[in-house]
Protein backbone atom coordinates (compact mmCIF):
# COMPACT_ATOMS: atom_id res chain seq x y z
CA MET A 1 -8.02 -11.78 -37.59
CA ALA A 2 -7.24 -12.16 -33.71
CA ILE A 3 -10.34 -11.03 -31.48
CA LYS A 4 -9.72 -7.92 -29.66
CA LYS A 5 -10.74 -7.71 -26.02
CA CYS A 6 -9.94 -5.86 -22.50
CA SER A 7 -7.29 -8.20 -20.83
CA PHE A 8 -8.85 -6.71 -17.81
CA CYS A 9 -12.66 -7.64 -17.95
CA GLY A 10 -12.58 -9.76 -21.08
CA LYS A 11 -15.13 -7.51 -23.14
CA VAL A 12 -14.85 -7.36 -26.91
CA GLU A 13 -13.76 -4.32 -28.78
CA SER A 14 -17.63 -4.34 -29.69
CA GLU A 15 -19.06 -4.46 -26.40
CA VAL A 16 -17.28 -0.99 -25.49
CA LYS A 17 -16.66 2.46 -26.21
CA HIS A 18 -12.88 2.06 -26.73
CA LEU A 19 -10.30 0.06 -26.70
CA ILE A 20 -6.82 0.76 -25.73
CA ALA A 21 -3.92 -1.21 -27.33
CA GLY A 22 -1.29 -1.94 -24.85
CA GLN A 23 2.48 -3.96 -25.83
CA GLN A 24 0.96 -7.34 -24.28
CA GLY A 25 -2.57 -6.84 -24.51
CA PHE A 26 -6.04 -4.05 -24.29
CA ILE A 27 -7.74 -2.09 -22.26
CA CYS A 28 -11.37 -0.39 -22.22
CA ASN A 29 -12.74 2.69 -21.20
CA GLU A 30 -14.54 0.83 -18.33
CA CYS A 31 -11.51 -0.74 -16.75
CA ILE A 32 -9.94 2.64 -17.29
CA LYS A 33 -12.66 4.66 -15.10
CA ALA A 34 -12.56 1.76 -12.76
CA CYS A 35 -8.94 1.84 -12.29
CA GLY A 36 -9.31 6.01 -12.43
CA GLU A 37 -11.82 6.20 -8.90
CA ILE A 38 -9.52 3.67 -7.44
CA LEU A 39 -6.36 5.47 -7.39
CA LYS A 40 -8.50 8.74 -6.89
CA SER A 41 -10.09 6.56 -3.28
CA ALA A 42 -6.60 5.15 -2.55
CA PRO A 43 -4.21 7.64 -0.34
CA ALA A 44 -1.29 8.98 -1.79
CA ALA A 45 2.57 8.13 -0.99
CA GLY A 46 3.53 10.08 1.50
CA ASP A 47 0.04 11.47 2.19
CA VAL A 48 0.12 12.09 6.11
CA ASN A 49 -3.65 11.47 6.98
CA ALA A 50 -3.05 7.85 5.50
CA THR A 51 0.70 7.59 7.36
CA ASP A 52 -1.48 8.60 10.41
CA GLU A 53 -3.95 5.46 9.92
CA VAL A 54 -1.53 3.23 9.91
CA VAL A 55 0.42 4.40 13.37
CA ALA A 56 -3.40 4.40 14.70
CA GLU A 57 -3.25 0.89 14.15
CA VAL A 58 0.06 -0.16 15.93
CA LYS A 59 -0.10 -1.07 19.08
CA PRO A 60 0.94 1.75 21.71
CA ILE A 61 4.70 1.10 22.67
CA PRO A 62 5.18 -0.25 26.62
CA THR A 63 7.72 1.60 28.23
CA PRO A 64 10.95 0.28 29.32
CA LYS A 65 9.61 0.57 32.90
CA GLU A 66 6.89 -1.83 31.51
CA ILE A 67 9.04 -3.86 29.42
CA ALA A 68 11.56 -4.21 32.53
CA ALA A 69 8.67 -5.48 34.81
CA GLU A 70 7.14 -7.73 32.36
CA LEU A 71 10.84 -9.08 32.33
CA ASP A 72 11.03 -9.25 35.93
CA LYS A 73 8.26 -11.80 36.17
CA TYR A 74 9.79 -14.62 34.49
CA VAL A 75 13.68 -13.52 34.95
CA ILE A 76 15.49 -13.93 38.08
CA GLY A 77 18.91 -11.67 38.73
CA GLN A 78 20.01 -9.93 35.45
CA GLU A 79 19.19 -6.39 36.13
CA GLN A 80 21.60 -4.93 33.90
CA ALA A 81 20.59 -6.79 30.88
CA LYS A 82 16.70 -6.01 31.84
CA LYS A 83 17.48 -3.04 32.15
CA VAL A 84 19.65 -2.22 28.86
CA LEU A 85 16.84 -4.55 26.90
CA ALA A 86 14.09 -2.40 28.26
CA VAL A 87 16.09 0.59 26.95
CA ALA A 88 16.78 -0.64 23.87
CA VAL A 89 13.55 -2.43 22.69
CA TYR A 90 11.53 1.25 23.57
CA ASN A 91 14.02 2.86 21.26
CA HIS A 92 13.85 0.23 18.71
CA PHE A 93 10.17 1.18 18.49
CA HIS A 94 10.02 4.64 18.62
CA ARG A 95 12.78 4.59 15.46
CA VAL A 96 10.10 1.94 13.84
CA ARG A 97 7.17 3.79 14.54
CA ASP A 98 8.87 7.64 13.84
CA GLN A 99 9.92 5.94 10.43
CA LEU A 100 6.38 5.24 9.34
CA VAL A 101 5.43 8.61 9.59
CA ASP A 102 8.34 10.34 8.34
CA ASP A 103 9.18 12.36 11.59
CA GLN A 104 12.47 14.09 11.44
CA ASP A 105 12.60 16.11 14.64
CA VAL A 106 13.95 13.26 17.00
CA GLU A 107 16.34 10.64 15.48
CA LEU A 108 17.32 7.66 17.67
CA ALA A 109 20.69 5.74 17.65
CA LYS A 110 20.54 2.42 16.11
CA SER A 111 21.68 -0.36 18.82
CA ASN A 112 22.89 -3.37 18.64
CA ILE A 113 23.26 -5.75 21.82
CA LEU A 114 24.93 -8.73 22.65
CA LEU A 115 23.86 -11.04 25.69
CA ILE A 116 27.07 -13.03 26.67
CA GLY A 117 27.17 -15.10 29.72
CA PRO A 118 27.21 -18.83 30.58
CA THR A 119 24.73 -21.79 30.13
CA GLY A 120 21.56 -21.05 31.90
CA SER A 121 22.31 -17.62 32.74
CA GLY A 122 18.51 -16.32 31.04
CA LYS A 123 19.72 -15.13 27.95
CA THR A 124 17.10 -16.85 25.98
CA LEU A 125 14.70 -16.66 28.21
CA LEU A 126 15.31 -12.72 28.38
CA ALA A 127 14.84 -12.85 24.58
CA GLN A 128 11.79 -15.16 24.32
CA THR A 129 9.86 -13.30 27.03
CA LEU A 130 10.74 -9.90 24.60
CA ALA A 131 9.18 -11.38 21.81
CA ARG A 132 6.37 -13.02 23.42
CA PHE A 133 5.30 -9.91 25.48
CA LEU A 134 5.73 -7.66 22.34
CA ASP A 135 4.09 -9.74 20.13
CA VAL A 136 7.27 -10.24 18.03
CA PRO A 137 8.67 -13.43 15.75
CA PHE A 138 11.10 -15.22 17.64
CA ALA A 139 13.66 -17.63 16.16
CA ILE A 140 16.29 -19.32 17.31
CA ALA A 141 19.81 -21.31 15.50
CA ASP A 142 22.54 -22.81 15.79
CA ALA A 143 25.69 -20.77 15.47
CA THR A 144 27.83 -23.66 14.79
CA THR A 145 25.89 -24.74 11.67
CA LEU A 146 27.26 -21.15 10.27
CA THR A 147 30.98 -22.49 9.98
CA GLU A 148 32.64 -24.76 8.21
CA ALA A 149 33.71 -27.19 10.59
CA GLY A 150 30.94 -26.60 12.70
CA TYR A 151 31.84 -26.77 16.43
CA VAL A 152 35.09 -28.23 17.90
CA GLY A 153 35.39 -28.65 22.03
CA ASP A 154 38.50 -28.60 23.94
C-alpha cells in the first residue's frame, strides 16, 4: 500500500491530524490552514482598496501639454502630429487607468492613429520619443515581411 502524504508539504498521514484526498493527491489540515490565512490576507477580486493600491503605484499621467513639450525637444515641425499624438496618448492612459479602478463615470472612446508621410519626416522618431518619455515598450517591424510577395518597387 502506498504511503499517503500531503502533496504540498510532504508530511505523511501520521504527522498530521487530517489528510484530505483529492483526485490527484492529498492535502493536510496544516496546509489548508495556511491557504486559508493567505486567502484572508489577499485582497478579494473587485476590492476597491486593492485596486487603489495598484493605481497608486502607477506613475502620474502626463498632460497633453507635457507630452507635446517633450516631443518638441526632439522633433522639429510636425505640430499637428505632435498635438494629435499627445492628446491620443493622454486619453489612452486615462482609459487604461480607469479600467483598473473600474470607473465607469467617464468613457473615453478608443482611437487609432496612422502616421503617414515621406521618409525622414519624423514618424518613427515621434513614436520612439513617446515610448521613451512614457517608459513603454516600442517595437519596429517591416510590413513588407507580412505579405507573400514582399515589397515590389516601381
